[in-house]
Amino acid sequence: MNKVMLFVLILLSSVFASGKSWESMSFEYEGYPLYLRIPIGQDYENLSESYSKHISITHHLEKVLSNGLPENEYNESLIDFDSQVTSVLENTELGVTVLVETFGGRRTYYMYSVSSLSVEHFKNELSNKFPEYSIDVHSYSDEDWSFIKQYSEEWGF
């Protein structure tokens, strides 16, 4: 994919709202709070036909409480970053965000994209736009969406 086009799409995606509704869930895992946010009405079967690359973006939170959750004021300061990450693929029709997990001082965004998406370039563009945040990006082929299907079975969504 043209790197300039991807950069423009990432910038534009922060302007447009994805219009996605989210359901929030909280659990306890290993004695600590686990917060999940999932899009309502996501059709894994049909979406998996278009998006075969699993992507995880892990944001290492800087200001956390002793239980690993972000401090309230700091969490509110992440709204622009969060909106950007959760909507960029949908707004560009390059993929979808399927889960946001907050646990142990990290917030991880799980997504599926077209196989041709340059994950390294995607990471660089996010890092350039939000240099104050420490992120790691990983990807692998998951044509059956086995990651999110297993995760949803384990946590009941």
Foldseek 3Di string as FASTA:
>chain_A
DDLVVLLVLLVVQLVDFLPWDWDWDWDADPNAIKIKIFTPPDDLVVQLVAFFKKKKKKWQADAPDPRQHHDPVSVVVCVSVVRSVQGSCVSVVFWHWGMWMGGNRMIMTIITGGPPDDQVSVVVSSCVVPVVIDMDMDMDTHSSPVVVVVVCVVVPD
